[in-house]
Amino acid sequence: MLPSCRRVSEMASDNVDKPITGVRWFKMKLHLLICVNCRRYAQQIFLTKKVIESTEKAPTPCPQLQEKVEQSYKNMHCHKEVKE
């Protein structure tokens, strides 16, 4: 019997930390073949993992650039404040 969509989403999330193997992997793959929504979810989880991994390897910006970005961010939000 194939796992439910809920179970497949849990398995896809678990697969990020520790690869799924054996019968569980096979059942999940079969479910993904027939369920477009779970397939999309699993792809999003995989992409999120790749983005996180790539940002962990990114260099830290120099302090001047970081300060400039923070100041720009503060200025942006300053104009959006609602004054009573």
N, C-alpha and C. Protein backbone atom coordinates (compact mmCIF):
# COMPACT_ATOMS: atom_id res chain seq x y z
N MET A 1 0.84 -1.17 0.00
CA MET A 1 0.00 0.00 0.00
C MET A 1 0.89 1.25 0.00
N LEU A 2 0.51 2.23 -0.80
CA LEU A 2 1.28 3.46 -0.88
C LEU A 2 0.99 4.36 0.32
N PRO A 3 2.01 5.13 0.74
CA PRO A 3 1.78 6.04 1.86
C PRO A 3 0.86 7.19 1.46
N SER A 4 0.23 7.81 2.46
CA SER A 4 -0.66 8.95 2.21
C SER A 4 0.17 10.18 1.84
N CYS A 5 -0.52 11.20 1.34
CA CYS A 5 0.16 12.46 1.01
C CYS A 5 0.82 13.05 2.25
N ARG A 6 0.13 12.98 3.38
CA ARG A 6 0.70 13.50 4.63
C ARG A 6 2.00 12.77 4.97
N ARG A 7 1.98 11.46 4.85
CA ARG A 7 3.17 10.66 5.17
C ARG A 7 4.30 10.96 4.19
N VAL A 8 3.98 11.12 2.93
CA VAL A 8 5.01 11.42 1.93
C VAL A 8 5.64 12.79 2.19
N SER A 9 4.83 13.76 2.60
CA SER A 9 5.39 15.08 2.91
C SER A 9 6.33 14.99 4.12
N GLU A 10 5.98 14.18 5.10
CA GLU A 10 6.85 13.96 6.25
C GLU A 10 8.15 13.28 5.82
N MET A 11 8.01 12.29 4.95
CA MET A 11 9.19 11.57 4.47
C MET A 11 10.11 12.49 3.67
N ALA A 12 9.52 13.34 2.85
CA ALA A 12 10.32 14.28 2.05
C ALA A 12 11.07 15.24 2.96
N SER A 13 10.42 15.70 4.00
CA SER A 13 11.08 16.59 4.96
C SER A 13 12.18 15.86 5.72
N ASP A 14 11.90 14.63 6.13
CA ASP A 14 12.91 13.82 6.83
C ASP A 14 14.10 13.52 5.95
N ASN A 15 13.86 13.40 4.66
CA ASN A 15 14.90 13.06 3.70
C ASN A 15 15.98 14.14 3.62
N VAL A 16 15.67 15.34 4.06
CA VAL A 16 16.64 16.43 4.06
C VAL A 16 17.77 16.11 5.04
N ASP A 17 17.42 15.62 6.21
CA ASP A 17 18.42 15.35 7.25
C ASP A 17 19.10 14.00 7.09
N LYS A 18 18.31 13.00 6.74
CA LYS A 18 18.84 11.65 6.62
C LYS A 18 18.16 10.97 5.44
N PRO A 19 18.94 10.59 4.42
CA PRO A 19 18.32 9.98 3.23
C PRO A 19 17.47 8.76 3.54
N ILE A 20 16.33 8.70 2.88
CA ILE A 20 15.43 7.56 3.02
C ILE A 20 15.92 6.45 2.09
N THR A 21 15.91 5.23 2.57
CA THR A 21 16.40 4.10 1.78
C THR A 21 15.40 2.95 1.83
N GLY A 22 15.68 1.96 1.03
CA GLY A 22 14.93 0.72 1.06
C GLY A 22 13.49 0.84 0.60
N VAL A 23 12.62 0.10 1.27
CA VAL A 23 11.21 0.02 0.91
C VAL A 23 10.53 1.39 1.07
N ARG A 24 10.89 2.12 2.12
CA ARG A 24 10.29 3.46 2.33
C ARG A 24 10.59 4.36 1.14
N TRP A 25 11.84 4.34 0.66
CA TRP A 25 12.23 5.16 -0.50
C TRP A 25 11.42 4.75 -1.73
N PHE A 26 11.30 3.44 -1.95
CA PHE A 26 10.57 2.93 -3.11
C PHE A 26 9.11 3.35 -3.07
N LYS A 27 8.46 3.21 -1.90
CA LYS A 27 7.05 3.59 -1.77
C LYS A 27 6.87 5.10 -1.97
N MET A 28 7.80 5.88 -1.43
CA MET A 28 7.70 7.32 -1.62
C MET A 28 7.84 7.67 -3.11
N LYS A 29 8.79 7.07 -3.80
CA LYS A 29 8.99 7.34 -5.23
C LYS A 29 7.76 6.95 -6.04
N LEU A 30 7.14 5.83 -5.72
CA LEU A 30 5.92 5.43 -6.43
C LEU A 30 4.82 6.46 -6.22
N HIS A 31 4.66 6.92 -4.99
CA HIS A 31 3.65 7.92 -4.70
C HIS A 31 3.94 9.21 -5.48
N LEU A 32 5.20 9.61 -5.52
CA LEU A 32 5.58 10.84 -6.22
C LEU A 32 5.31 10.74 -7.73
N LEU A 33 5.38 9.53 -8.27
CA LEU A 33 5.08 9.34 -9.69
C LEU A 33 3.63 9.65 -10.03
N ILE A 34 2.73 9.37 -9.09
CA ILE A 34 1.31 9.56 -9.39
C ILE A 34 0.71 10.83 -8.78
N CYS A 35 1.41 11.46 -7.84
CA CYS A 35 0.83 12.61 -7.14
C CYS A 35 1.63 13.88 -7.44
N VAL A 36 1.06 14.73 -8.28
CA VAL A 36 1.76 15.94 -8.70
C VAL A 36 1.97 16.90 -7.53
N ASN A 37 1.03 16.98 -6.60
CA ASN A 37 1.18 17.90 -5.47
C ASN A 37 2.34 17.49 -4.55
N CYS A 38 2.45 16.22 -4.26
CA CYS A 38 3.55 15.75 -3.43
C CYS A 38 4.88 15.89 -4.16
N ARG A 39 4.85 15.66 -5.47
CA ARG A 39 6.07 15.82 -6.27
C ARG A 39 6.56 17.27 -6.20
N ARG A 40 5.62 18.22 -6.33
CA ARG A 40 5.99 19.64 -6.23
C ARG A 40 6.54 19.96 -4.85
N TYR A 41 5.89 19.44 -3.82
CA TYR A 41 6.35 19.69 -2.45
C TYR A 41 7.76 19.14 -2.26
N ALA A 42 8.01 17.92 -2.71
CA ALA A 42 9.33 17.32 -2.57
C ALA A 42 10.39 18.14 -3.33
N GLN A 43 10.03 18.66 -4.50
CA GLN A 43 10.96 19.51 -5.26
C GLN A 43 11.25 20.80 -4.51
N GLN A 44 10.22 21.38 -3.88
CA GLN A 44 10.42 22.61 -3.11
C GLN A 44 11.33 22.37 -1.91
N ILE A 45 11.15 21.24 -1.24
CA ILE A 45 12.00 20.88 -0.10
C ILE A 45 13.44 20.73 -0.58
N PHE A 46 13.64 20.05 -1.70
CA PHE A 46 14.98 19.84 -2.25
C PHE A 46 15.62 21.18 -2.61
N LEU A 47 14.87 22.06 -3.25
CA LEU A 47 15.39 23.37 -3.63
C LEU A 47 15.73 24.20 -2.40
N THR A 48 14.88 24.16 -1.40
CA THR A 48 15.15 24.89 -0.16
C THR A 48 16.45 24.40 0.48
N LYS A 49 16.65 23.09 0.48
CA LYS A 49 17.89 22.52 1.03
C LYS A 49 19.10 23.05 0.26
N LYS A 50 19.02 23.09 -1.06
CA LYS A 50 20.13 23.56 -1.89
C LYS A 50 20.42 25.04 -1.63
N VAL A 51 19.37 25.85 -1.50
CA VAL A 51 19.55 27.28 -1.24
C VAL A 51 20.22 27.50 0.12
N ILE A 52 19.76 26.77 1.12
CA ILE A 52 20.36 26.89 2.45
C ILE A 52 21.83 26.49 2.41
N GLU A 53 22.13 25.40 1.74
CA GLU A 53 23.52 24.96 1.63
C GLU A 53 24.38 25.99 0.92
N SER A 54 23.84 26.62 -0.12
CA SER A 54 24.64 27.60 -0.86
C SER A 54 24.85 28.88 -0.06
N THR A 55 23.87 29.27 0.76
CA THR A 55 24.05 30.49 1.56
C THR A 55 24.99 30.26 2.73
N GLU A 56 25.09 29.03 3.20
CA GLU A 56 26.03 28.73 4.27
C GLU A 56 27.47 28.88 3.78
N LYS A 57 27.69 28.68 2.51
CA LYS A 57 29.03 28.78 1.93
C LYS A 57 29.36 30.19 1.45
N ALA A 58 28.37 31.07 1.46
CA ALA A 58 28.57 32.43 0.95
C ALA A 58 29.47 33.22 1.90
N PRO A 59 30.33 34.06 1.33
CA PRO A 59 31.21 34.86 2.19
C PRO A 59 30.42 35.93 2.94
N THR A 60 30.92 36.33 4.09
CA THR A 60 30.30 37.39 4.88
C THR A 60 30.67 38.73 4.26
N PRO A 61 29.68 39.62 4.08
CA PRO A 61 29.99 40.93 3.48
C PRO A 61 30.87 41.76 4.42
N CYS A 62 31.61 42.68 3.84
CA CYS A 62 32.46 43.55 4.66
C CYS A 62 31.56 44.40 5.57
N PRO A 63 32.06 44.82 6.71
CA PRO A 63 31.24 45.57 7.67
C PRO A 63 30.62 46.84 7.07
N GLN A 64 31.34 47.53 6.19
CA GLN A 64 30.80 48.76 5.59
C GLN A 64 29.58 48.45 4.74
N LEU A 65 29.65 47.41 3.94
CA LEU A 65 28.52 47.03 3.09
C LEU A 65 27.34 46.59 3.96
N GLN A 66 27.61 45.80 4.97
CA GLN A 66 26.56 45.33 5.84
C GLN A 66 25.86 46.51 6.53
N GLU A 67 26.64 47.50 6.98
CA GLU A 67 26.06 48.68 7.62
C GLU A 67 25.20 49.47 6.64
N LYS A 68 25.67 49.59 5.40
CA LYS A 68 24.92 50.32 4.37
C LYS A 68 23.58 49.64 4.08
N VAL A 69 23.60 48.33 3.98
CA VAL A 69 22.37 47.57 3.72
C VAL A 69 21.40 47.72 4.89
N GLU A 70 21.91 47.61 6.11
CA GLU A 70 21.06 47.76 7.28
C GLU A 70 20.43 49.14 7.33
N GLN A 71 21.22 50.17 7.02
CA GLN A 71 20.70 51.54 7.03
C GLN A 71 19.62 51.72 5.96
N SER A 72 19.84 51.16 4.79
CA SER A 72 18.84 51.24 3.72
C SER A 72 17.56 50.55 4.14
N TYR A 73 17.68 49.42 4.79
CA TYR A 73 16.52 48.67 5.26
C TYR A 73 15.74 49.49 6.29
N LYS A 74 16.47 50.10 7.23
CA LYS A 74 15.81 50.93 8.25
C LYS A 74 15.11 52.12 7.60
N ASN A 75 15.73 52.74 6.62
CA ASN A 75 15.13 53.89 5.93
C ASN A 75 13.86 53.48 5.19
N MET A 76 13.87 52.31 4.58
CA MET A 76 12.69 51.82 3.87
C MET A 76 11.50 51.68 4.82
N HIS A 77 11.73 51.09 5.97
CA HIS A 77 10.66 50.84 6.92
C HIS A 77 10.23 52.11 7.65
N CYS A 78 11.11 53.05 7.75
CA CYS A 78 10.79 54.31 8.41
C CYS A 78 9.67 55.04 7.68
N HIS A 79 9.66 54.96 6.36
CA HIS A 79 8.65 55.63 5.55
C HIS A 79 7.30 54.92 5.59
N LYS A 80 7.31 53.67 5.99
CA LYS A 80 6.06 52.89 6.00
C LYS A 80 5.35 52.95 7.34
N GLU A 81 5.95 53.57 8.35
CA GLU A 81 5.32 53.63 9.66
C GLU A 81 4.06 54.45 9.61
N VAL A 82 3.08 54.02 10.34
CA VAL A 82 1.81 54.73 10.42
C VAL A 82 1.87 55.67 11.62
N LYS A 83 1.72 56.94 11.38
CA LYS A 83 1.77 57.92 12.47
C LYS A 83 0.35 58.27 12.88
N GLU A 84 0.12 58.27 14.17
CA GLU A 84 -1.22 58.58 14.68
C GLU A 84 -1.35 60.03 15.03
